[in-house]
Amino acid sequence: MIEPDTIKLLRECDAGIKMGTASIGDVLDYVYDETFRKYLADCKNEHEKLKEEIQFLLETYHDDGKEPNPMAKSMSWLKTNMKLTMNESDKTIAGLMTDGCNMGVKSLNQYLNQYEAADEKTKDIAKRLINLEEKLVVDIRRFL
């Protein structure tokens, strides 16, 4: 029997990836530096690969996954657009992305602790997602 924690953790990872890829998509066209753009595009691609793994597992468990919280998604979009309107720069984007990644890392670690009975494969996916977010923060630090 599958632990409910496995499905719950998969859902949170699914929502997190959707939020992350949408956020990267919102800013990608505004990035000036090619290296910075590549970091973001590569991170988005890696998120999408993890999303495929998650979708496969969710389908196995006959679950549709989870959409990001509509209020959180709206607030993120609004904050991004307001900041970019005031200062369209790589520094601004790096700050927004760093904040978003840090929130994602915090949330995913909380979910890992909360859903400790999840299977190891699902925990591994969550940890790889955390590592992607942490790596992006380090990679884009020089643009802050």
N, C-alpha and C. Protein backbone atom coordinates (compact mmCIF):
# COMPACT_ATOMS: atom_id res chain seq x y z
N MET A 1 0.84 -1.18 0.00
CA MET A 1 0.00 0.00 0.00
C MET A 1 0.89 1.26 0.00
N ILE A 2 0.50 2.21 -0.81
CA ILE A 2 1.28 3.45 -0.91
C ILE A 2 0.91 4.38 0.24
N GLU A 3 1.93 5.00 0.80
CA GLU A 3 1.71 5.96 1.88
C GLU A 3 1.08 7.23 1.32
N PRO A 4 0.08 7.77 2.00
CA PRO A 4 -0.50 9.04 1.57
C PRO A 4 0.54 10.16 1.51
N ASP A 5 1.58 10.05 2.36
CA ASP A 5 2.63 11.06 2.36
C ASP A 5 3.34 11.14 1.02
N THR A 6 3.47 10.03 0.33
CA THR A 6 4.12 10.01 -0.98
C THR A 6 3.36 10.88 -1.97
N ILE A 7 2.07 10.69 -2.03
CA ILE A 7 1.25 11.47 -2.96
C ILE A 7 1.25 12.95 -2.56
N LYS A 8 1.15 13.22 -1.28
CA LYS A 8 1.14 14.62 -0.81
C LYS A 8 2.45 15.32 -1.15
N LEU A 9 3.58 14.64 -0.97
CA LEU A 9 4.87 15.25 -1.30
C LEU A 9 5.01 15.43 -2.81
N LEU A 10 4.55 14.46 -3.58
CA LEU A 10 4.57 14.61 -5.04
C LEU A 10 3.74 15.82 -5.48
N ARG A 11 2.59 16.00 -4.87
CA ARG A 11 1.73 17.14 -5.20
C ARG A 11 2.43 18.47 -4.91
N GLU A 12 3.08 18.55 -3.77
CA GLU A 12 3.78 19.79 -3.41
C GLU A 12 4.95 20.07 -4.35
N CYS A 13 5.65 19.03 -4.73
CA CYS A 13 6.74 19.19 -5.71
C CYS A 13 6.17 19.65 -7.05
N ASP A 14 5.05 19.08 -7.43
CA ASP A 14 4.38 19.45 -8.69
C ASP A 14 4.00 20.93 -8.68
N ALA A 15 3.38 21.37 -7.59
CA ALA A 15 2.99 22.78 -7.48
C ALA A 15 4.21 23.69 -7.48
N GLY A 16 5.25 23.27 -6.78
CA GLY A 16 6.47 24.07 -6.72
C GLY A 16 7.14 24.22 -8.07
N ILE A 17 7.18 23.14 -8.83
CA ILE A 17 7.77 23.20 -10.17
C ILE A 17 6.95 24.10 -11.07
N LYS A 18 5.65 23.99 -10.99
CA LYS A 18 4.79 24.86 -11.82
C LYS A 18 5.02 26.33 -11.47
N MET A 19 5.15 26.62 -10.19
CA MET A 19 5.39 27.99 -9.75
C MET A 19 6.75 28.46 -10.24
N GLY A 20 7.75 27.62 -10.09
CA GLY A 20 9.11 27.98 -10.49
C GLY A 20 9.25 28.21 -11.98
N THR A 21 8.70 27.31 -12.78
CA THR A 21 8.83 27.47 -14.23
C THR A 21 8.04 28.68 -14.72
N ALA A 22 6.90 28.94 -14.10
CA ALA A 22 6.12 30.13 -14.48
C ALA A 22 6.90 31.40 -14.14
N SER A 23 7.53 31.42 -12.98
CA SER A 23 8.30 32.59 -12.56
C SER A 23 9.48 32.84 -13.48
N ILE A 24 10.18 31.78 -13.83
CA ILE A 24 11.30 31.93 -14.76
C ILE A 24 10.78 32.43 -16.11
N GLY A 25 9.69 31.85 -16.57
CA GLY A 25 9.10 32.28 -17.83
C GLY A 25 8.69 33.74 -17.83
N ASP A 26 8.26 34.24 -16.67
CA ASP A 26 7.84 35.64 -16.56
C ASP A 26 9.00 36.62 -16.75
N VAL A 27 10.21 36.19 -16.39
CA VAL A 27 11.34 37.14 -16.43
C VAL A 27 12.34 36.89 -17.56
N LEU A 28 12.30 35.74 -18.16
CA LEU A 28 13.34 35.34 -19.13
C LEU A 28 13.55 36.36 -20.24
N ASP A 29 12.49 36.92 -20.77
CA ASP A 29 12.61 37.89 -21.87
C ASP A 29 13.21 39.22 -21.44
N TYR A 30 13.28 39.47 -20.13
CA TYR A 30 13.80 40.73 -19.63
C TYR A 30 15.29 40.68 -19.26
N VAL A 31 15.87 39.48 -19.31
CA VAL A 31 17.26 39.30 -18.91
C VAL A 31 18.18 39.80 -20.02
N TYR A 32 19.15 40.62 -19.63
CA TYR A 32 20.10 41.19 -20.59
C TYR A 32 21.32 40.29 -20.80
N ASP A 33 21.89 39.80 -19.72
CA ASP A 33 23.13 39.03 -19.79
C ASP A 33 22.85 37.60 -20.30
N GLU A 34 23.61 37.19 -21.30
CA GLU A 34 23.40 35.86 -21.90
C GLU A 34 23.69 34.73 -20.93
N THR A 35 24.71 34.89 -20.08
CA THR A 35 25.03 33.84 -19.11
C THR A 35 23.89 33.69 -18.10
N PHE A 36 23.38 34.81 -17.65
CA PHE A 36 22.25 34.80 -16.72
C PHE A 36 21.04 34.12 -17.37
N ARG A 37 20.76 34.48 -18.62
CA ARG A 37 19.64 33.88 -19.34
C ARG A 37 19.82 32.37 -19.45
N LYS A 38 21.06 31.94 -19.70
CA LYS A 38 21.34 30.50 -19.82
C LYS A 38 21.11 29.79 -18.49
N TYR A 39 21.55 30.40 -17.39
CA TYR A 39 21.30 29.79 -16.07
C TYR A 39 19.81 29.58 -15.84
N LEU A 40 19.03 30.60 -16.16
CA LEU A 40 17.58 30.51 -15.96
C LEU A 40 16.96 29.46 -16.88
N ALA A 41 17.34 29.48 -18.15
CA ALA A 41 16.78 28.53 -19.11
C ALA A 41 17.16 27.10 -18.74
N ASP A 42 18.41 26.89 -18.34
CA ASP A 42 18.84 25.55 -17.93
C ASP A 42 18.08 25.08 -16.69
N CYS A 43 17.89 25.96 -15.75
CA CYS A 43 17.14 25.62 -14.54
C CYS A 43 15.69 25.26 -14.89
N LYS A 44 15.11 26.04 -15.77
CA LYS A 44 13.73 25.77 -16.20
C LYS A 44 13.65 24.40 -16.88
N ASN A 45 14.62 24.09 -17.73
CA ASN A 45 14.64 22.78 -18.40
C ASN A 45 14.76 21.64 -17.40
N GLU A 46 15.61 21.81 -16.40
CA GLU A 46 15.77 20.77 -15.38
C GLU A 46 14.49 20.61 -14.56
N HIS A 47 13.81 21.72 -14.28
CA HIS A 47 12.52 21.65 -13.59
C HIS A 47 11.52 20.85 -14.42
N GLU A 48 11.52 21.08 -15.73
CA GLU A 48 10.57 20.39 -16.60
C GLU A 48 10.87 18.89 -16.68
N LYS A 49 12.15 18.51 -16.61
CA LYS A 49 12.49 17.08 -16.58
C LYS A 49 11.96 16.44 -15.29
N LEU A 50 12.15 17.13 -14.17
CA LEU A 50 11.62 16.61 -12.90
C LEU A 50 10.10 16.54 -12.94
N LYS A 51 9.48 17.51 -13.58
CA LYS A 51 8.02 17.52 -13.70
C LYS A 51 7.53 16.27 -14.43
N GLU A 52 8.26 15.85 -15.46
CA GLU A 52 7.88 14.63 -16.18
C GLU A 52 7.93 13.41 -15.26
N GLU A 53 8.97 13.33 -14.44
CA GLU A 53 9.08 12.23 -13.48
C GLU A 53 7.90 12.25 -12.51
N ILE A 54 7.61 13.44 -12.02
CA ILE A 54 6.51 13.59 -11.06
C ILE A 54 5.18 13.22 -11.71
N GLN A 55 4.96 13.68 -12.92
CA GLN A 55 3.71 13.37 -13.62
C GLN A 55 3.54 11.87 -13.81
N PHE A 56 4.63 11.19 -14.16
CA PHE A 56 4.57 9.74 -14.33
C PHE A 56 4.15 9.07 -13.02
N LEU A 57 4.77 9.48 -11.93
CA LEU A 57 4.43 8.88 -10.63
C LEU A 57 3.01 9.22 -10.21
N LEU A 58 2.61 10.46 -10.41
CA LEU A 58 1.24 10.84 -10.07
C LEU A 58 0.22 10.03 -10.87
N GLU A 59 0.49 9.83 -12.15
CA GLU A 59 -0.41 9.02 -12.97
C GLU A 59 -0.46 7.58 -12.46
N THR A 60 0.67 7.07 -12.01
CA THR A 60 0.73 5.73 -11.45
C THR A 60 -0.20 5.61 -10.24
N TYR A 61 -0.26 6.69 -9.46
CA TYR A 61 -1.11 6.70 -8.27
C TYR A 61 -2.50 7.27 -8.55
N HIS A 62 -2.81 7.48 -9.84
CA HIS A 62 -4.12 8.01 -10.26
C HIS A 62 -4.43 9.34 -9.58
N ASP A 63 -3.44 10.25 -9.62
CA ASP A 63 -3.60 11.56 -9.01
C ASP A 63 -3.29 12.63 -10.05
N ASP A 64 -3.99 13.75 -9.99
CA ASP A 64 -3.83 14.82 -10.97
C ASP A 64 -2.77 15.85 -10.60
N GLY A 65 -2.17 15.72 -9.41
CA GLY A 65 -1.17 16.70 -9.01
C GLY A 65 -1.82 17.89 -8.35
N LYS A 66 -1.07 18.99 -8.33
CA LYS A 66 -1.56 20.18 -7.63
C LYS A 66 -1.11 21.42 -8.36
N GLU A 67 -2.01 22.37 -8.45
CA GLU A 67 -1.68 23.68 -9.01
C GLU A 67 -1.14 24.56 -7.89
N PRO A 68 -0.28 25.51 -8.23
CA PRO A 68 0.17 26.44 -7.20
C PRO A 68 -1.02 27.23 -6.64
N ASN A 69 -0.87 27.68 -5.42
CA ASN A 69 -1.90 28.50 -4.79
C ASN A 69 -2.15 29.72 -5.69
N PRO A 70 -3.40 29.94 -6.13
CA PRO A 70 -3.68 31.05 -7.04
C PRO A 70 -3.29 32.42 -6.46
N MET A 71 -3.47 32.59 -5.17
CA MET A 71 -3.12 33.87 -4.55
C MET A 71 -1.60 34.05 -4.58
N ALA A 72 -0.85 33.01 -4.25
CA ALA A 72 0.61 33.10 -4.26
C ALA A 72 1.12 33.36 -5.68
N LYS A 73 0.51 32.70 -6.64
CA LYS A 73 0.92 32.88 -8.03
C LYS A 73 0.62 34.31 -8.49
N SER A 74 -0.53 34.82 -8.14
CA SER A 74 -0.90 36.19 -8.51
C SER A 74 0.00 37.22 -7.85
N MET A 75 0.29 37.00 -6.58
CA MET A 75 1.15 37.94 -5.86
C MET A 75 2.57 37.92 -6.43
N SER A 76 3.05 36.75 -6.80
CA SER A 76 4.38 36.64 -7.40
C SER A 76 4.43 37.38 -8.73
N TRP A 77 3.41 37.17 -9.54
CA TRP A 77 3.35 37.83 -10.85
C TRP A 77 3.29 39.35 -10.67
N LEU A 78 2.46 39.80 -9.74
CA LEU A 78 2.31 41.23 -9.48
C LEU A 78 3.62 41.84 -8.99
N LYS A 79 4.27 41.18 -8.04
CA LYS A 79 5.54 41.69 -7.51
C LYS A 79 6.58 41.76 -8.61
N THR A 80 6.66 40.73 -9.42
CA THR A 80 7.63 40.70 -10.52
C THR A 80 7.39 41.85 -11.48
N ASN A 81 6.17 42.03 -11.90
CA ASN A 81 5.87 43.07 -12.88
C ASN A 81 6.05 44.47 -12.31
N MET A 82 5.70 44.66 -11.04
CA MET A 82 5.89 45.97 -10.42
C MET A 82 7.38 46.30 -10.32
N LYS A 83 8.17 45.34 -9.87
CA LYS A 83 9.61 45.60 -9.72
C LYS A 83 10.27 45.82 -11.08
N LEU A 84 9.86 45.05 -12.09
CA LEU A 84 10.45 45.22 -13.41
C LEU A 84 10.03 46.54 -14.05
N THR A 85 8.84 47.01 -13.74
CA THR A 85 8.39 48.30 -14.25
C THR A 85 9.23 49.43 -13.65
N MET A 86 9.56 49.28 -12.37
CA MET A 86 10.34 50.31 -11.69
C MET A 86 11.82 50.23 -12.05
N ASN A 87 12.33 49.01 -12.29
CA ASN A 87 13.75 48.85 -12.56
C ASN A 87 13.98 47.56 -13.34
N GLU A 88 13.96 47.67 -14.65
CA GLU A 88 14.14 46.50 -15.51
C GLU A 88 15.64 46.23 -15.66
N SER A 89 16.17 45.43 -14.73
CA SER A 89 17.60 45.13 -14.77
C SER A 89 17.84 43.69 -14.33
N ASP A 90 19.01 43.18 -14.69
CA ASP A 90 19.37 41.83 -14.27
C ASP A 90 19.47 41.74 -12.75
N LYS A 91 19.89 42.82 -12.12
CA LYS A 91 19.98 42.86 -10.66
C LYS A 91 18.60 42.64 -10.03
N THR A 92 17.61 43.32 -10.56
CA THR A 92 16.24 43.17 -10.05
C THR A 92 15.76 41.73 -10.24
N ILE A 93 16.01 41.18 -11.42
CA ILE A 93 15.57 39.81 -11.72
C ILE A 93 16.30 38.81 -10.83
N ALA A 94 17.59 39.02 -10.63
CA ALA A 94 18.35 38.11 -9.77
C ALA A 94 17.80 38.15 -8.34
N GLY A 95 17.42 39.33 -7.88
CA GLY A 95 16.83 39.45 -6.56
C GLY A 95 15.50 38.71 -6.46
N LEU A 96 14.67 38.89 -7.46
CA LEU A 96 13.37 38.20 -7.48
C LEU A 96 13.54 36.68 -7.52
N MET A 97 14.44 36.22 -8.37
CA MET A 97 14.67 34.78 -8.49
C MET A 97 15.27 34.20 -7.21
N THR A 98 16.17 34.94 -6.59
CA THR A 98 16.77 34.48 -5.34
C THR A 98 15.70 34.35 -4.26
N ASP A 99 14.85 35.36 -4.15
CA ASP A 99 13.77 35.31 -3.16
C ASP A 99 12.85 34.12 -3.42
N GLY A 100 12.49 33.92 -4.68
CA GLY A 100 11.60 32.81 -5.03
C GLY A 100 12.23 31.46 -4.75
N CYS A 101 13.49 31.30 -5.10
CA CYS A 101 14.19 30.04 -4.84
C CYS A 101 14.28 29.77 -3.35
N ASN A 102 14.60 30.80 -2.58
CA ASN A 102 14.71 30.63 -1.13
C ASN A 102 13.37 30.21 -0.52
N MET A 103 12.28 30.79 -1.01
CA MET A 103 10.95 30.38 -0.52
C MET A 103 10.66 28.94 -0.90
N GLY A 104 11.04 28.56 -2.13
CA GLY A 104 10.83 27.19 -2.58
C GLY A 104 11.62 26.19 -1.75
N VAL A 105 12.88 26.51 -1.48
CA VAL A 105 13.73 25.63 -0.67
C VAL A 105 13.15 25.47 0.72
N LYS A 106 12.72 26.56 1.31
CA LYS A 106 12.13 26.51 2.65
C LYS A 106 10.88 25.64 2.66
N SER A 107 9.98 25.88 1.70
CA SER A 107 8.74 25.11 1.65
C SER A 107 9.00 23.63 1.41
N LEU A 108 9.87 23.32 0.47
CA LEU A 108 10.13 21.91 0.16
C LEU A 108 10.77 21.18 1.34
N ASN A 109 11.65 21.86 2.07
CA ASN A 109 12.22 21.23 3.26
C ASN A 109 11.16 20.99 4.32
N GLN A 110 10.24 21.94 4.46
CA GLN A 110 9.15 21.75 5.41
C GLN A 110 8.29 20.54 5.00
N TYR A 111 8.01 20.43 3.70
CA TYR A 111 7.20 19.29 3.23
C TYR A 111 7.94 17.97 3.39
N LEU A 112 9.26 17.98 3.18
CA LEU A 112 10.03 16.75 3.41
C LEU A 112 9.91 16.30 4.86
N ASN A 113 9.96 17.26 5.78
CA ASN A 113 9.82 16.93 7.20
C ASN A 113 8.39 16.51 7.54
N GLN A 114 7.43 17.19 6.95
CA GLN A 114 6.02 16.91 7.24
C GLN A 114 5.59 15.55 6.70
N TYR A 115 6.06 15.20 5.51
CA TYR A 115 5.65 13.95 4.86
C TYR A 115 6.78 12.94 4.92
N GLU A 116 7.25 12.68 6.13
CA GLU A 116 8.42 11.83 6.31
C GLU A 116 8.17 10.37 5.94
N ALA A 117 6.92 9.95 5.84
CA ALA A 117 6.61 8.57 5.46
C ALA A 117 6.57 8.37 3.94
N ALA A 118 6.85 9.43 3.18
CA ALA A 118 6.88 9.31 1.71
C ALA A 118 7.97 8.33 1.30
N ASP A 119 7.78 7.70 0.15
CA ASP A 119 8.79 6.74 -0.29
C ASP A 119 10.09 7.45 -0.68
N GLU A 120 11.15 6.69 -0.74
CA GLU A 120 12.49 7.27 -0.97
C GLU A 120 12.61 7.89 -2.36
N LYS A 121 11.95 7.32 -3.34
CA LYS A 121 12.01 7.88 -4.70
C LYS A 121 11.42 9.30 -4.72
N THR A 122 10.32 9.48 -4.04
CA THR A 122 9.67 10.80 -3.98
C THR A 122 10.51 11.78 -3.17
N LYS A 123 11.08 11.31 -2.08
CA LYS A 123 11.97 12.17 -1.28
C LYS A 123 13.17 12.60 -2.13
N ASP A 124 13.69 11.67 -2.93
CA ASP A 124 14.83 11.98 -3.80
C ASP A 124 14.46 13.07 -4.80
N ILE A 125 13.27 13.00 -5.36
CA ILE A 125 12.82 14.03 -6.31
C ILE A 125 12.76 15.38 -5.60
N ALA A 126 12.19 15.41 -4.42
CA ALA A 126 12.11 16.66 -3.65
C ALA A 126 13.51 17.21 -3.37
N LYS A 127 14.43 16.35 -3.01
CA LYS A 127 15.80 16.79 -2.72
C LYS A 127 16.50 17.30 -3.99
N ARG A 128 16.25 16.66 -5.11
CA ARG A 128 16.84 17.14 -6.36
C ARG A 128 16.27 18.50 -6.74
N LEU A 129 14.99 18.70 -6.48
CA LEU A 129 14.37 20.00 -6.73
C LEU A 129 14.97 21.07 -5.82
N ILE A 130 15.16 20.74 -4.57
CA ILE A 130 15.81 21.66 -3.64
C ILE A 130 17.20 22.01 -4.14
N ASN A 131 17.95 21.01 -4.57
CA ASN A 131 19.31 21.25 -5.07
C ASN A 131 19.32 22.14 -6.30
N LEU A 132 18.34 21.98 -7.18
CA LEU A 132 18.23 22.86 -8.36
C LEU A 132 18.04 24.31 -7.95
N GLU A 133 17.15 24.52 -6.99
CA GLU A 133 16.87 25.87 -6.51
C GLU A 133 18.10 26.48 -5.85
N GLU A 134 18.77 25.68 -5.02
CA GLU A 134 19.96 26.18 -4.33
C GLU A 134 21.08 26.49 -5.32
N LYS A 135 21.23 25.65 -6.33
CA LYS A 135 22.26 25.87 -7.35
C LYS A 135 22.00 27.16 -8.12
N LEU A 136 20.74 27.41 -8.47
CA LEU A 136 20.42 28.63 -9.19
C LEU A 136 20.77 29.86 -8.36
N VAL A 137 20.47 29.82 -7.07
CA VAL A 137 20.79 30.96 -6.20
C VAL A 137 22.30 31.24 -6.23
N VAL A 138 23.09 30.19 -6.14
CA VAL A 138 24.55 30.36 -6.18
C VAL A 138 24.99 30.88 -7.55
N ASP A 139 24.46 30.29 -8.61
CA ASP A 139 24.87 30.69 -9.98
C ASP A 139 24.58 32.15 -10.27
N ILE A 140 23.45 32.66 -9.77
CA ILE A 140 23.06 34.04 -10.15
C ILE A 140 23.48 35.08 -9.13
N ARG A 141 24.17 34.66 -8.10
CA ARG A 141 24.60 35.59 -7.05
C ARG A 141 25.37 36.78 -7.59
N ARG A 142 26.17 36.54 -8.61
CA ARG A 142 26.98 37.63 -9.15
C ARG A 142 26.17 38.71 -9.87
N PHE A 143 24.91 38.42 -10.14
CA PHE A 143 24.06 39.39 -10.82
C PHE A 143 23.26 40.26 -9.84
N LEU A 144 23.38 39.96 -8.55
CA LEU A 144 22.65 40.74 -7.53
C LEU A 144 23.22 42.14 -7.41
